[in-house]
Protein backbone atom coordinates (compact mmCIF):
# COMPACT_ATOMS: atom_id res chain seq x y z
CA MET A 1 0.45 48.29 65.09
CA PRO A 2 -1.12 51.75 65.39
CA PHE A 3 0.28 54.76 63.58
CA THR A 4 0.79 57.75 65.89
CA VAL A 5 1.47 61.43 65.35
CA ARG A 6 2.76 62.81 68.62
CA VAL A 7 2.81 66.52 69.48
CA HIS A 8 5.19 67.79 72.14
CA LEU A 9 4.44 71.42 73.01
CA LEU A 10 7.42 73.41 74.30
CA GLU A 11 5.17 75.13 76.84
CA PRO A 12 2.37 73.47 78.86
CA LEU A 13 -0.14 75.61 76.95
CA TYR A 14 -2.35 74.91 73.96
CA GLN A 15 -3.29 78.09 72.09
CA ALA A 16 -6.04 77.76 69.50
CA SER A 17 -9.41 79.45 69.14
CA GLY A 18 -12.27 77.00 69.51
CA PRO A 19 -15.83 77.05 68.17
CA GLN A 20 -17.05 78.72 71.37
CA PRO A 21 -16.03 82.39 71.43
CA GLY A 22 -13.41 83.18 74.06
CA ARG A 23 -12.60 79.51 74.78
CA ALA A 24 -9.73 77.43 73.52
CA GLU A 25 -10.33 74.45 71.26
CA TRP A 26 -10.24 71.22 73.27
CA PRO A 27 -9.38 68.53 72.55
CA PRO A 28 -7.25 69.55 69.54
CA HIS A 29 -9.05 68.77 66.30
CA PRO A 30 -7.54 66.12 64.00
CA ALA A 31 -8.08 68.49 61.07
CA ARG A 32 -5.76 71.01 62.73
CA MET A 33 -3.00 68.41 62.95
CA PHE A 34 -3.51 67.48 59.29
CA CYS A 35 -3.35 71.15 58.28
CA ALA A 36 -0.09 71.48 60.21
CA LEU A 37 1.38 68.68 58.07
CA VAL A 38 0.04 70.23 54.87
CA SER A 39 1.54 73.63 55.76
CA VAL A 40 5.11 72.28 55.63
CA ALA A 41 4.74 69.59 52.96
CA ASP A 42 6.01 69.99 49.40
CA LEU A 43 2.75 69.48 47.52
CA ASP A 44 4.58 69.59 44.20
CA ASP A 45 6.31 66.39 45.27
CA PRO A 46 4.00 63.51 44.26
CA VAL A 47 5.49 61.30 46.99
CA GLU A 48 4.61 63.71 49.81
CA GLU A 49 1.20 64.43 48.30
CA ALA A 50 0.47 60.69 48.08
CA ALA A 51 1.43 60.21 51.75
CA LEU A 52 -0.98 62.94 52.85
CA ARG A 53 -3.71 61.47 50.68
CA TRP A 54 -3.18 58.13 52.38
CA LEU A 55 -3.56 59.78 55.78
CA GLU A 56 -6.73 61.70 54.87
CA SER A 57 -8.40 58.51 53.61
CA GLN A 58 -8.13 56.74 57.00
CA SER A 59 -10.89 56.63 59.60
CA ALA A 60 -10.87 59.40 62.18
CA PRO A 61 -8.10 58.90 64.76
CA LEU A 62 -8.24 58.48 68.51
CA ILE A 63 -6.92 61.49 70.42
CA ARG A 64 -4.87 61.12 73.61
CA VAL A 65 -4.58 64.28 75.66
CA PRO A 66 -3.62 65.23 79.24
CA ALA A 67 -6.44 64.83 81.73
CA ALA A 68 -7.52 67.58 84.11
CA THR A 69 -6.70 70.48 81.80
CA ALA A 70 -8.19 73.90 82.42
CA GLU A 71 -9.08 77.04 80.50
CA ALA A 72 -6.44 79.69 81.21
CA ALA A 73 -7.61 82.57 83.38
CA THR A 74 -6.13 85.07 80.91
CA ALA A 75 -5.92 84.92 77.14
CA ARG A 76 -2.62 85.36 75.31
CA HIS A 77 -2.13 88.86 73.89
CA ALA A 78 0.08 89.80 70.95
CA TRP A 79 0.57 92.66 68.50
CA VAL A 80 0.01 91.67 64.88
CA PRO A 81 0.52 93.59 61.61
CA THR A 82 -2.34 94.55 59.36
CA ASN A 83 -2.82 92.67 56.11
CA ALA A 84 -2.32 95.40 53.51
CA THR A 85 -4.31 94.35 50.45
CA ALA A 86 -4.71 97.71 48.71
CA LYS A 87 -2.41 98.44 45.74
CA GLU A 88 -1.41 101.78 47.22
CA PRO A 89 -2.10 101.55 50.97
CA GLY A 90 -2.19 104.71 53.01
CA HIS A 91 -0.36 105.27 56.25
CA ALA A 92 -3.12 103.49 58.18
CA MET A 93 -2.68 100.29 56.12
CA LEU A 94 1.09 99.86 56.20
CA PRO A 95 2.07 96.31 57.20
CA GLY A 96 4.23 97.61 60.05
CA ARG A 97 1.30 99.17 61.89
CA THR A 98 -0.53 97.24 64.57
CA ASN A 99 -3.94 95.87 63.68
CA GLY A 100 -6.51 98.34 64.97
CA GLY A 101 -4.11 99.94 67.44
CA SER A 102 -4.69 97.24 70.07
CA PRO A 103 -3.26 93.76 70.66
CA LYS A 104 -5.07 90.63 69.53
CA SER A 105 -5.92 87.98 72.09
CA TRP A 106 -6.30 84.21 71.82
CA PRO A 107 -7.71 81.79 74.37
CA GLN A 108 -5.39 79.12 75.70
CA ARG A 109 -5.59 75.86 77.62
CA VAL A 110 -3.30 75.03 80.53
CA LEU A 111 -1.95 71.47 80.33
CA ARG A 112 -0.55 69.28 83.05
CA HIS A 113 1.64 67.57 80.46
CA PRO A 114 2.54 69.17 77.10
CA GLU A 115 1.80 66.00 75.11
CA VAL A 116 -0.95 65.22 72.60
CA ALA A 117 -1.16 62.14 70.37
CA PHE A 118 -3.32 61.25 67.37
CA VAL A 119 -3.57 57.49 66.89
CA TRP A 120 -4.84 55.60 63.83
CA GLY A 121 -5.46 51.89 64.27
CA VAL A 122 -3.77 51.02 61.00
CA GLU A 123 -0.18 50.55 59.91
CA PRO A 124 0.84 52.54 56.80
CA PRO A 125 3.13 51.14 54.12
CA LYS A 126 6.76 51.62 55.07
CA SER A 127 7.32 54.20 52.33
CA VAL A 128 4.30 56.25 53.46
CA ARG A 129 5.36 56.11 57.09
CA THR A 130 8.86 57.34 56.22
CA VAL A 131 7.48 60.31 54.29
CA LEU A 132 5.02 61.24 57.05
CA GLU A 133 7.83 61.08 59.61
CA SER A 134 9.83 63.52 57.49
CA ILE A 135 6.89 65.93 57.09
CA ALA A 136 5.99 65.85 60.80
CA ALA A 137 9.57 66.68 61.80
CA ARG A 138 9.34 70.00 59.91
CA VAL A 139 6.25 71.35 61.74
CA PRO A 140 7.37 74.29 63.93
CA TYR A 141 4.17 74.95 65.89
CA PHE A 142 0.74 73.53 66.68
CA GLY A 143 -2.34 75.74 67.07
CA ARG A 144 -1.36 79.41 67.06
CA ALA A 145 2.08 80.33 65.72
CA THR A 146 3.10 81.06 69.32
CA GLY A 147 2.53 77.39 70.27
CA HIS A 148 5.99 76.04 69.42
CA ALA A 149 6.00 72.27 69.16
CA LEU A 150 7.92 69.21 68.04
CA LEU A 151 5.99 66.62 66.04
CA SER A 152 6.93 63.01 65.42
CA ALA A 153 5.16 60.32 63.42
CA GLN A 154 5.82 56.61 63.91
CA ASN A 155 4.39 53.15 64.39
CA SER A 156 4.70 52.56 68.11
CA ALA A 157 2.44 50.25 70.05
CA ALA A 158 4.65 50.62 73.11
CA GLN A 159 4.34 54.41 73.04
CA ALA A 160 0.57 54.21 72.70
CA ASP A 161 0.25 51.72 75.55
CA GLU A 162 2.42 53.91 77.74
CA ILE A 163 0.10 56.89 77.30
CA GLU A 164 -3.05 54.82 77.61
CA ALA A 165 -1.95 53.25 80.86
CA ASP A 166 -1.13 56.62 82.41
CA ALA A 167 -4.02 57.87 84.53
CA GLU A 168 -2.96 61.43 83.79
CA PHE A 169 -4.02 61.05 80.16
CA GLU A 170 -7.46 60.50 78.63
CA GLU A 171 -8.52 59.21 75.25
CA TRP A 172 -11.19 60.70 72.98
CA GLN A 173 -12.81 58.41 70.44
CA PRO A 174 -15.26 59.03 67.57
CA LEU A 175 -18.89 58.18 68.24
CA ASP A 176 -20.80 55.78 66.08
CA GLN A 177 -23.55 57.51 64.10
CA GLN A 178 -26.22 55.91 66.29
CA GLU A 179 -24.60 56.87 69.61
CA SER A 180 -25.78 59.85 71.62
CA VAL A 181 -23.77 61.24 74.54
CA ARG A 182 -24.64 64.39 76.46
CA THR A 183 -20.97 65.41 76.83
CA ALA A 184 -19.90 64.68 73.25
CA SER A 185 -17.86 67.30 71.40
CA THR A 186 -17.91 68.01 67.68
CA LEU A 187 -14.42 67.97 66.17
CA ARG A 188 -13.22 68.76 62.65
CA VAL A 189 -11.58 65.78 60.96
CA PRO A 190 -9.81 65.02 57.64
CA TYR A 191 -11.58 62.98 54.97
CA PRO A 192 -10.83 61.70 51.44
CA GLY A 193 -10.41 64.77 49.24
CA TYR A 194 -9.58 67.12 52.13
CA LEU A 195 -6.13 67.96 50.75
CA GLN A 196 -7.65 68.94 47.40
CA ARG A 197 -10.16 71.22 49.12
CA LEU A 198 -7.43 72.84 51.21
CA ARG A 199 -5.44 73.62 48.07
CA ALA A 200 -8.49 75.08 46.35
CA ALA A 201 -9.31 77.14 49.45
CA PHE A 202 -5.77 78.52 49.50
CA GLU A 203 -6.06 79.63 45.88
CA THR A 204 -9.34 81.45 46.57
CA GLN A 205 -8.26 82.80 49.99
CA GLN A 206 -10.94 80.85 51.86
CA PRO A 207 -10.43 79.80 55.52
CA ALA A 208 -9.08 76.28 56.03
CA TRP A 209 -11.49 75.55 58.91
CA GLN A 210 -14.47 75.78 56.55
CA GLN A 211 -13.17 72.88 54.46
CA ALA A 212 -13.22 70.22 57.19
CA GLN A 213 -15.96 67.78 58.00
CA SER A 214 -17.09 67.14 61.57
CA LEU A 215 -17.54 64.11 63.80
CA GLN A 216 -18.63 63.78 67.39
CA TYR A 217 -16.11 62.52 69.96
CA ARG A 218 -16.42 61.46 73.58
CA VAL A 219 -14.01 60.50 76.33
CA ARG A 220 -13.35 56.78 76.26
CA GLY A 221 -14.38 55.05 79.45
CA GLY A 222 -16.05 58.21 80.75
CA GLU A 223 -19.75 58.71 80.24
CA PRO A 224 -21.41 55.67 78.67
CA SER A 225 -23.57 55.99 75.61
CA VAL A 226 -27.12 56.97 76.57
CA GLU A 227 -30.43 57.41 74.89
CA ALA A 228 -30.56 61.20 75.02
CA GLY A 229 -34.05 61.66 73.66
CA GLN A 230 -34.99 63.54 70.52
CA ASP A 231 -36.59 66.84 69.63
CA ARG A 232 -39.19 67.09 66.89
CA GLY A 233 -38.72 69.65 64.18
CA PRO A 234 -41.59 71.74 62.79
CA TYR A 235 -42.23 69.43 59.80
CA ARG A 236 -43.92 66.05 59.68
CA ASP A 237 -43.47 64.85 56.09
CA LEU A 238 -40.93 65.45 53.32
CA VAL A 239 -42.07 64.58 49.80
CA THR A 240 -39.12 64.45 47.39
CA PHE A 241 -38.84 64.38 43.60
CA ALA A 242 -35.75 63.59 41.54
CA PHE A 243 -34.75 65.18 38.27
CA SER A 244 -34.09 62.91 35.30
CA PRO A 245 -30.68 61.16 35.45
CA GLY A 246 -27.91 63.51 34.35
CA ILE A 247 -29.97 66.66 34.97
CA ALA A 248 -28.68 69.18 37.52
CA VAL A 249 -29.72 72.78 38.15
CA ASP A 250 -27.41 75.53 39.32
CA PRO A 251 -28.23 76.43 42.97
CA GLY A 252 -28.40 80.09 41.91
CA TYR A 253 -31.83 79.23 40.46
CA THR A 254 -33.14 77.82 43.76
CA LEU A 255 -35.68 80.60 44.36
CA ALA A 256 -36.90 80.45 40.77
CA VAL A 257 -37.30 76.67 40.87
CA THR A 258 -39.04 76.55 44.26
CA ALA A 259 -41.36 79.43 43.30
CA ALA A 260 -42.31 77.47 40.18
CA LEU A 261 -42.89 74.40 42.34
CA ARG A 262 -45.25 76.29 44.61
CA ALA A 263 -47.10 77.75 41.61
CA ALA A 264 -47.48 74.25 40.14
CA VAL A 265 -48.91 72.93 43.42
CA MET A 266 -51.42 75.82 43.58
CA SER A 267 -52.49 75.17 40.00
CA ARG A 268 -52.97 71.45 40.57
CA LEU A 269 -55.00 72.07 43.73
CA GLU A 270 -57.31 74.47 41.88
CA THR A 271 -57.68 72.08 38.94
CA ALA A 272 -58.59 69.28 41.36
CA GLY A 273 -61.37 71.47 42.79
CA HIS A 274 -59.82 72.54 46.11
CA ASP A 275 -60.27 75.99 47.63
CA VAL A 276 -56.66 77.17 47.67
CA ARG A 277 -57.53 80.45 49.39
CA ALA A 278 -58.55 78.44 52.47
CA MET A 279 -55.05 76.89 52.65
CA PRO A 280 -52.74 79.71 53.85
CA GLN A 281 -50.14 77.23 55.14
CA VAL A 282 -49.87 75.84 51.61
CA HIS A 283 -49.95 79.02 49.52
CA GLY A 284 -47.87 80.96 52.07
CA HIS A 285 -49.68 84.31 52.03
CA LYS A 286 -50.37 85.89 55.41
CA ASP A 287 -53.80 85.39 56.87
CA ARG A 288 -54.73 87.17 60.10
CA ASP A 289 -57.41 84.64 60.94
CA ARG A 290 -55.36 81.51 60.27
CA GLN A 291 -51.98 80.94 61.87
CA GLY A 292 -49.61 78.04 61.46
CA ARG A 293 -46.27 76.92 60.07
CA LEU A 294 -45.99 77.26 56.29
CA CYS A 295 -45.09 74.52 53.85
CA ALA A 296 -41.51 74.77 52.62
CA TYR A 297 -40.66 74.31 48.93
CA LEU A 298 -37.10 73.06 48.67
CA GLY A 299 -34.32 72.43 46.18
CA LEU A 300 -32.06 69.49 47.05
CA PRO A 301 -28.35 70.18 46.38
CA PHE A 302 -25.62 67.56 46.14
CA VAL A 303 -23.35 68.48 49.08
CA GLY A 304 -21.36 66.78 51.80
CA HIS A 305 -19.30 64.46 49.58
CA THR A 306 -15.74 64.80 48.36
CA HIS A 307 -16.93 65.24 44.77
CA ALA A 308 -20.04 67.28 45.58
CA ASP A 309 -20.76 70.16 43.20
CA GLY A 310 -23.67 71.86 45.00
CA MET A 311 -26.01 71.43 42.01
CA LEU A 312 -29.71 70.71 42.61
CA ARG A 313 -30.60 67.08 41.88
CA GLY A 314 -34.25 67.29 42.87
CA LEU A 315 -37.02 69.09 44.73
CA ALA A 316 -39.02 68.54 47.90
CA ILE A 317 -42.03 69.84 49.80
CA ALA A 318 -41.94 69.84 53.61
CA LEU A 319 -45.37 69.58 55.25
CA PRO A 320 -45.62 71.23 58.68
CA GLU A 321 -46.68 69.31 61.77
CA ASP A 322 -49.73 71.53 62.32
CA LEU A 323 -51.06 71.33 58.75
CA PRO A 324 -54.76 70.32 58.98
CA THR A 325 -55.40 66.70 58.04
CA MET A 326 -57.74 67.51 55.13
CA GLN A 327 -55.22 69.92 53.62
CA ARG A 328 -52.45 67.35 54.02
CA ARG A 329 -54.51 64.76 52.17
CA ALA A 330 -55.37 67.22 49.41
CA LEU A 331 -51.73 68.23 48.98
CA LEU A 332 -50.43 64.66 48.90
CA GLY A 333 -53.24 63.73 46.52
CA VAL A 334 -52.32 66.32 43.86
CA LEU A 335 -48.61 65.59 44.25
CA LEU A 336 -48.77 61.81 43.99
CA ARG A 337 -52.08 60.70 42.44
CA PHE A 338 -54.13 63.37 40.69
CA ASP A 339 -53.61 63.24 36.91
CA GLY A 340 -50.69 60.85 37.35
CA GLY A 341 -48.94 62.96 39.99
CA LEU A 342 -46.46 65.80 39.57
CA ARG A 343 -44.23 64.78 36.66
CA LYS A 344 -43.06 68.02 35.06
CA LEU A 345 -42.13 71.48 36.24
CA THR A 346 -41.88 74.51 34.00
CA VAL A 347 -39.50 77.16 35.32
CA PRO A 348 -39.62 80.58 33.60
CA LYS A 349 -36.52 81.39 31.54
CA MET A 350 -35.11 77.87 31.94
CA GLY A 351 -36.21 76.37 28.63
CA ALA A 352 -37.61 72.84 28.53
CA PRO A 353 -39.62 71.64 31.55
CA LEU A 354 -37.87 69.59 34.21
CA ASN A 355 -38.98 65.96 34.34
CA LEU A 356 -39.73 64.82 37.90
CA SER A 357 -40.11 61.40 39.49
CA TYR A 358 -41.46 60.81 43.00
CA VAL A 359 -38.89 59.22 45.34
CA LYS A 360 -40.44 56.60 47.58
CA PRO A 361 -38.76 56.43 51.03
CA THR A 362 -37.73 52.79 50.52
CA ALA A 363 -36.83 53.00 46.81
CA PRO A 364 -33.19 53.03 45.64
CA ALA A 365 -32.18 56.54 44.56
CA LEU A 366 -29.37 59.02 44.79
CA GLN A 367 -28.80 59.84 48.45
CA THR A 368 -29.29 63.54 47.70
CA VAL A 369 -32.98 63.04 46.85
CA GLN A 370 -33.81 60.43 49.50
CA PRO A 371 -36.07 61.89 52.22
CA GLN A 372 -34.04 60.36 55.06
CA ASN A 373 -30.96 62.22 53.84
CA TRP A 374 -32.62 65.43 55.08
CA THR A 375 -34.82 64.13 57.92
CA ARG A 376 -32.67 61.79 60.05
CA ALA A 377 -32.16 63.02 63.59
CA SER A 378 -28.86 64.69 64.46
CA ARG A 379 -27.43 67.12 66.97
CA VAL A 380 -25.45 68.88 64.23
CA TRP A 381 -27.04 70.56 61.20
CA THR A 382 -25.10 72.46 58.52
CA THR A 383 -26.51 74.65 55.74
CA ALA A 384 -26.41 73.07 52.30
CA LEU A 385 -27.74 76.33 50.82
CA PRO A 386 -26.96 79.71 52.42
CA MET A 387 -29.51 81.12 54.83
CA VAL A 388 -30.80 84.68 54.47
CA LEU A 389 -30.94 86.37 57.88
CA ASP A 390 -34.31 87.49 59.20
CA HIS A 391 -32.72 90.61 60.70
CA PHE A 392 -29.71 92.79 59.97
CA PRO A 393 -26.81 92.06 62.34
CA LYS A 394 -24.90 94.81 64.07
CA ARG A 395 -22.51 97.02 62.13
CA GLY A 396 -19.52 95.12 60.81
CA GLY A 397 -21.26 91.75 61.11
CA ARG A 398 -20.97 91.60 64.90
CA GLY A 399 -23.63 89.50 66.57
CA LEU A 400 -24.21 87.22 63.58
CA ASP A 401 -24.65 84.25 65.90
CA VAL A 402 -27.38 86.17 67.76
CA SER A 403 -29.19 86.83 64.47
CA VAL A 404 -28.91 83.15 63.54
CA ALA A 405 -30.28 82.11 66.95
CA LYS A 406 -33.30 84.39 66.39
CA SER A 407 -33.82 82.79 62.98
CA CYS A 408 -33.81 79.37 64.64
CA GLN A 409 -36.58 80.51 66.99
CA MET A 410 -38.60 81.93 64.09
CA ALA A 411 -38.19 78.63 62.23
CA GLY A 412 -39.63 76.65 65.15
CA LEU A 413 -36.28 75.14 66.16
CA PRO A 414 -34.66 74.90 69.61
CA ILE A 415 -31.96 77.43 70.40
CA PRO A 416 -28.61 75.79 69.48
CA GLU A 417 -25.97 75.26 72.15
CA HIS A 418 -23.40 76.57 69.72
CA ILE A 419 -23.45 78.24 66.30
CA GLU A 420 -20.64 78.40 63.74
CA VAL A 421 -21.02 81.12 61.12
CA ALA A 422 -19.12 81.43 57.82
CA ARG A 423 -19.65 84.80 56.16
CA ARG A 424 -17.91 83.54 53.01
CA GLY A 425 -17.82 80.02 51.64
CA GLY A 426 -19.71 76.93 52.74
CA LEU A 427 -19.15 74.60 55.67
CA LEU A 428 -19.89 71.46 53.63
CA PRO A 429 -18.07 70.17 50.55
CA GLY A 430 -19.96 71.46 47.52
CA ALA A 431 -21.99 74.08 49.41
CA ARG A 432 -21.89 77.40 47.58
CA ASP A 433 -22.37 81.07 48.21
CA LEU A 434 -25.05 82.82 46.13
CA ALA A 435 -24.91 86.27 44.57
CA GLY A 436 -27.10 89.06 45.94
CA HIS A 437 -29.64 88.91 43.11
CA GLN A 438 -29.98 85.13 43.63
CA LEU A 439 -31.17 85.76 47.19
CA ARG A 440 -34.15 87.93 46.19
CA ARG A 441 -37.53 86.68 45.03
CA LYS A 442 -38.79 90.06 43.82
CA GLU A 443 -37.31 93.20 42.34
CA GLY A 444 -36.76 95.90 44.93
CA GLU A 445 -36.68 93.44 47.81
CA PRO A 446 -34.34 94.61 50.63
CA PRO A 447 -30.96 92.84 50.35
CA LEU A 448 -30.66 91.03 53.69
CA PRO A 449 -27.25 89.41 54.32
CA SER A 450 -26.67 85.68 53.94
CA CYS A 451 -24.23 83.20 55.44
CA HIS A 452 -23.56 79.52 55.94
CA VAL A 453 -23.97 78.13 59.46
CA ARG A 454 -23.45 74.97 61.47
CA LEU A 455 -25.89 74.46 64.36
CA HIS A 456 -25.08 72.33 67.41
CA PHE A 457 -28.16 71.34 69.41
CA ALA A 458 -28.31 69.86 72.90
CA ARG A 459 -30.31 66.85 71.72
CA PRO A 460 -30.86 65.11 68.39
CA LEU A 461 -33.36 67.00 66.23
CA ASP A 462 -35.26 65.43 63.37
CA GLY A 463 -35.57 67.23 60.06
CA PRO A 464 -35.92 68.71 57.67
CA VAL A 465 -34.23 71.79 59.14
CA VAL A 466 -34.52 75.03 57.18
CA LEU A 467 -34.16 78.56 58.53
CA GLY A 468 -33.91 82.21 57.53
CA SER A 469 -36.18 84.68 55.76
CA LYS A 470 -36.30 82.54 52.59
CA LYS A 471 -36.86 79.23 54.36
CA THR A 472 -40.21 78.54 52.67
CA PHE A 473 -38.44 78.76 49.31
CA GLY A 474 -35.50 76.53 50.17
CA LEU A 475 -32.68 78.81 51.24
CA GLY A 476 -31.26 77.85 54.62
CA LEU A 477 -31.83 74.12 54.05
CA CYS A 478 -29.53 72.11 56.34
CA LEU A 479 -27.91 68.69 56.10
CA PRO A 480 -27.68 66.55 59.25
CA GLY A 481 -24.23 65.48 60.43
CA PRO A 482 -22.05 63.51 60.19
CA THR A 483 -21.45 64.44 56.60
CA VAL A 484 -23.00 62.44 53.78
CA THR A 485 -20.76 59.81 52.13
CA GLU A 486 -22.49 59.49 48.80
CA THR A 487 -20.82 57.26 46.23
CA ALA A 488 -22.21 59.07 43.20
CA SER A 489 -23.81 62.38 42.43
């Protein structure tokens, strides 16, 4: 018997900002419903906490929503107070003043029926169901605070069948990882450990939406699954190396580690008798007479898992598609065969050298250092390490998505259909921000801004995907979605 959380909105409107600016979120994201439950739960009560942990550990739910909804012609406007954070705010920061002297606006969706249901195909223990029913009954609104609602949670096959049989409702279901649908939508969903991340985000004043993971959904019985084709990224090969078991490097040292990796490759090429100056795509220095995509030297962080810590577990070198064949052979030769292959890496100011072991594509290894973890095709790519913008955005951070789109073009990627930008915090579990000095390779370098992003492409794109002004040294490395489910770090 399925377990259902039903939302009855008191107005036939759904008010919630979606990932596309100026458009309401639709369908409602399962993560939003979970956050609504968390907002009214007593998390100091181990019984209520255990019930929420049971819910977050289930597979993503089906979503039943009214069919034939429409974006409202006008957004909802409201006056809101400023958030006075200064110890001694002046008259312009008093909480009673309106924010910026003008009303805020939120997009909204017009519904034929004010009903939404989230359905899990599993029956909870009776004690868990009772607790979830109690929590759901306390939720006063869904979406924006102006979206008053009544929530109920229950096992009810009859209720589910009633909605499913009604032609005025439609059902959204998660896609399998191998499916590709042109009209799929990416929705934020709960996952094991989500409650813990929400609590940590609250303590550090981080947005809740950054803590969710994403899955693609499509309308059930609508467009069938199709082979949508695939776009090629700018790189052809990814050669990965793992650190010794138990060794992890703070991601703040990414630029230092990848610079040392490049220096080691240059040294080995020279020792093997190759003319490094004739390989501008490998050494990375500009050459007016030779153009082409540069090799990227990458650090591989452990991200995307409930227990991810963001620490580097290995290194990689991405070889561009247009790298000349002879240079590719020379590079692979010094990495894998010459003098036993690359086995150690000395990083200035880091003490003992790092021991390295080559990761064969078919060999068992931590998922973080497996090449396919970073190369498998996906429509959604999320930064595992922050990207450094290639250009300054407009004053106040406006137009960040435009700057990110330009960085995608410069990185040889298609223009995304949609871009999510987080100015603070990561969009993957474990993904970290880096301090300003950790984003510079040289003293006196201009301090370009950084951010975490999630890119939504029209078609699956193979990796690795890395973008931004420090892409050849690993910053801006992206993880394909859905999120990694590693069992160990």
